[in-house]
Protein backbone atom coordinates (compact mmCIF):
# COMPACT_ATOMS: atom_id res chain seq x y z
CA MET A 1 5.95 4.07 7.12
CA ARG A 2 6.51 5.23 3.82
CA LEU A 3 3.72 4.24 1.50
CA ASP A 4 5.89 2.31 -1.02
CA LYS A 5 7.46 0.20 1.58
CA TYR A 6 4.18 -0.37 3.18
CA LEU A 7 2.97 -1.62 0.04
CA LYS A 8 5.95 -3.86 -0.58
CA VAL A 9 5.77 -5.13 3.02
CA SER A 10 2.19 -5.92 2.86
CA ARG A 11 2.70 -7.95 -0.37
CA LEU A 12 -0.16 -5.78 -2.16
CA VAL A 13 2.95 -4.85 -4.60
CA LYS A 14 5.99 -7.32 -5.24
CA ARG A 15 8.47 -4.69 -5.00
CA ARG A 16 9.41 -1.41 -3.70
CA THR A 17 10.05 0.32 -7.21
CA VAL A 18 7.28 -1.14 -8.60
CA ALA A 19 5.12 0.49 -5.70
CA LYS A 20 6.88 3.87 -6.46
CA GLU A 21 6.16 3.43 -10.26
CA LEU A 22 2.26 3.18 -9.53
CA CYS A 23 2.59 6.23 -7.06
CA ASP A 24 4.66 8.13 -9.81
CA ALA A 25 2.35 7.36 -12.43
CA GLY A 26 -0.91 8.76 -10.18
CA GLN A 27 -2.34 5.24 -9.29
CA VAL A 28 -2.60 5.36 -5.64
CA TRP A 29 -4.58 7.19 -3.33
CA VAL A 30 -4.47 7.42 0.26
CA ASN A 31 -7.63 8.91 2.18
CA GLY A 32 -8.89 10.23 -1.09
CA HIS A 33 -5.92 12.22 -2.03
CA LEU A 34 -3.13 11.27 -4.79
CA ALA A 35 -0.23 9.86 -2.70
CA LYS A 36 3.46 10.13 -3.46
CA ALA A 37 5.73 7.38 -2.66
CA ALA A 38 7.24 9.18 0.54
CA THR A 39 3.52 9.43 1.90
CA GLU A 40 3.55 8.19 5.68
CA VAL A 41 0.72 5.59 5.92
CA GLU A 42 -0.83 4.94 9.63
CA VAL A 43 -3.47 2.55 10.98
CA GLY A 44 -7.02 3.55 9.65
CA ASP A 45 -5.48 4.86 6.31
CA ARG A 46 -7.51 3.99 3.27
CA ILE A 47 -5.39 2.97 0.35
CA GLU A 48 -6.99 2.60 -3.51
CA LEU A 49 -4.70 1.17 -5.95
CA HIS A 50 -5.06 0.81 -9.58
CA THR A 51 -3.00 -2.25 -10.62
CA PRO A 52 -2.88 -4.00 -14.04
CA ARG A 53 -4.67 -6.68 -12.39
CA GLY A 54 -7.39 -4.19 -11.23
CA PRO A 55 -8.15 -1.73 -8.73
CA VAL A 56 -7.65 -2.50 -4.85
CA THR A 57 -8.89 -0.59 -1.65
CA VAL A 58 -7.79 -1.69 1.58
CA GLU A 59 -7.63 -0.24 5.22
CA VAL A 60 -4.24 -0.49 6.92
CA THR A 61 -4.87 -2.30 10.19
CA ALA A 62 -1.31 -2.48 11.23
CA VAL A 63 2.02 -1.07 10.44
CA ARG A 64 5.26 -3.51 10.91
CA GLU A 65 8.78 -3.27 9.52
CA HIS A 66 9.00 -6.99 9.02
CA VAL A 67 6.29 -9.61 8.22
CA PRO A 68 6.57 -13.18 7.07
CA ALA A 69 4.65 -13.71 3.50
CA VAL A 70 1.96 -15.80 5.37
CA GLU A 71 1.26 -13.27 7.56
CA ALA A 72 1.37 -10.29 5.35
CA ASP A 73 -2.53 -9.95 4.74
CA SER A 74 -2.90 -9.05 8.23
CA LEU A 75 -1.51 -5.75 7.65
CA TYR A 76 -4.73 -4.52 6.02
CA ARG A 77 -8.65 -5.06 5.60
CA ARG A 78 -9.89 -5.44 1.95
CA LEU A 79 -12.82 -3.24 1.37
């Protein structure tokens, strides 16, 4: 799954366009590498995200296309 879509589905970012803007601004890393919005995300990847609310680091535990909001945090583990 694309990084921008994963960030939106997991509710780490509210909108996919915001996720793309963060990637374009160099605020997102996957496995220690600067990531583009189109970067493919897989289980076990580590995502570092620098948002206006502060830095967030998570490990991807699942990748699913559709997730109810109450289950969104089951897609990752905060580090």
